[in-house]
Protein backbone atom coordinates (compact mmCIF):
# COMPACT_ATOMS: atom_id res chain seq x y z
CA UNK A 1 14.25 -6.57 7.55
CA UNK A 2 11.09 -7.87 5.86
CA UNK A 3 9.08 -4.82 7.01
CA UNK A 4 11.71 -2.45 5.64
CA UNK A 5 11.71 -4.24 2.28
CA UNK A 6 7.93 -4.06 2.15
CA UNK A 7 7.92 -0.35 2.94
CA UNK A 8 10.47 0.26 0.21
CA UNK A 9 8.37 -1.70 -2.29
CA UNK A 10 5.20 0.19 -1.34
CA UNK A 11 7.10 3.48 -1.52
CA UNK A 12 8.39 2.59 -4.98
CA UNK A 13 4.87 1.77 -6.19
CA UNK A 14 3.57 5.06 -4.82
CA UNK A 15 6.50 7.03 -6.25
CA UNK A 16 5.84 5.54 -9.67
CA UNK A 17 2.33 6.97 -9.49
CA UNK A 18 3.48 10.53 -8.73
CA UNK A 19 5.72 13.04 -10.41
CA UNK A 20 8.43 14.70 -8.39
CA UNK A 21 7.35 13.13 -5.10
CA UNK A 22 9.94 11.57 -2.82
CA UNK A 23 9.04 8.84 -0.38
CA UNK A 24 12.41 8.69 1.38
CA UNK A 25 11.19 10.91 4.23
CA UNK A 26 10.99 8.88 7.46
CA UNK A 27 7.48 10.17 8.20
CA UNK A 28 6.24 8.91 4.85
CA UNK A 29 8.00 5.60 5.42
CA UNK A 30 6.35 5.22 8.83
CA UNK A 31 2.94 5.96 7.30
CA UNK A 32 3.48 3.41 4.54
CA UNK A 33 4.46 0.76 7.11
CA UNK A 34 1.45 1.56 9.28
CA UNK A 35 -0.92 1.46 6.34
CA UNK A 36 0.58 -1.82 5.20
CA UNK A 37 -0.04 -3.34 8.62
CA UNK A 38 -3.60 -1.99 8.60
CA UNK A 39 -4.11 -3.50 5.16
CA UNK A 40 -3.35 -6.98 6.44
CA UNK A 41 -6.38 -6.66 8.76
CA UNK A 42 -8.52 -5.89 5.72
CA UNK A 43 -7.08 -8.90 3.91
CA UNK A 44 -8.05 -11.11 6.83
CA UNK A 45 -11.54 -9.60 6.94
CA UNK A 46 -12.23 -9.91 3.19
CA UNK A 47 -10.01 -12.77 1.98
CA UNK A 48 -11.97 -13.60 -1.16
CA UNK A 49 -13.14 -10.14 -2.21
CA UNK A 50 -10.33 -8.64 -4.31
CA UNK A 51 -12.51 -5.76 -5.56
CA UNK A 52 -13.26 -4.72 -1.97
CA UNK A 53 -9.59 -5.01 -1.02
CA UNK A 54 -8.50 -2.91 -4.01
CA UNK A 55 -11.04 -0.25 -3.03
CA UNK A 56 -9.88 -0.27 0.61
CA UNK A 57 -6.25 -0.11 -0.50
CA UNK A 58 -6.95 2.86 -2.77
CA UNK A 59 -8.69 4.71 0.06
CA UNK A 60 -6.00 3.82 2.60
CA UNK A 61 -2.90 4.75 0.59
CA UNK A 62 -3.25 8.46 -0.12
CA UNK A 63 -0.98 11.48 -0.14
CA UNK A 64 -1.46 15.24 0.17
CA UNK A 65 -1.20 15.50 -3.62
CA UNK A 66 -3.51 12.51 -4.17
CA UNK A 67 -6.14 12.64 -1.40
CA UNK A 68 -8.50 10.57 -3.54
CA UNK A 69 -5.91 7.76 -3.83
CA UNK A 70 -3.69 6.58 -6.64
CA UNK A 71 -6.27 4.62 -8.60
CA UNK A 72 -7.17 0.97 -8.94
CA UNK A 73 -4.06 -0.04 -10.90
CA UNK A 74 -1.69 1.28 -8.23
CA UNK A 75 -3.91 -0.06 -5.45
CA UNK A 76 -3.69 -3.53 -6.99
CA UNK A 77 0.12 -3.34 -7.03
CA UNK A 78 0.18 -2.22 -3.38
CA UNK A 79 -2.23 -4.99 -2.41
CA UNK A 80 0.01 -7.54 -4.13
CA UNK A 81 3.06 -6.23 -2.25
CA UNK A 82 1.21 -6.40 1.08
CA UNK A 83 -0.02 -9.91 0.35
CA UNK A 84 3.43 -11.13 -0.62
CA UNK A 85 5.52 -9.48 2.09
CA UNK A 86 3.28 -8.67 5.04
CA UNK A 87 0.37 -11.12 4.81
CA UNK A 88 1.25 -14.10 2.66
CA UNK A 89 -1.80 -15.85 1.22
CA UNK A 90 -1.97 -19.44 0.07
């Protein structure tokens, strides 16, 4: 249940950064979940380097319409969701 909630939160953040894009497709949901799990590895590798994590998040969470990423502001929101729901940090 926690993974599904996290995917929905990430999808909502990404949807807010696009116009007319739907993230309800199961393929997109699977990608968001996979990327979220990959992001927790980055968090473990760079626990004190938020700038690096934001950059990695922005490069990891992309879409066909946004191959360059969604920008730092959206990447920060995604990182916060991953930290809270997938990889809690003290």
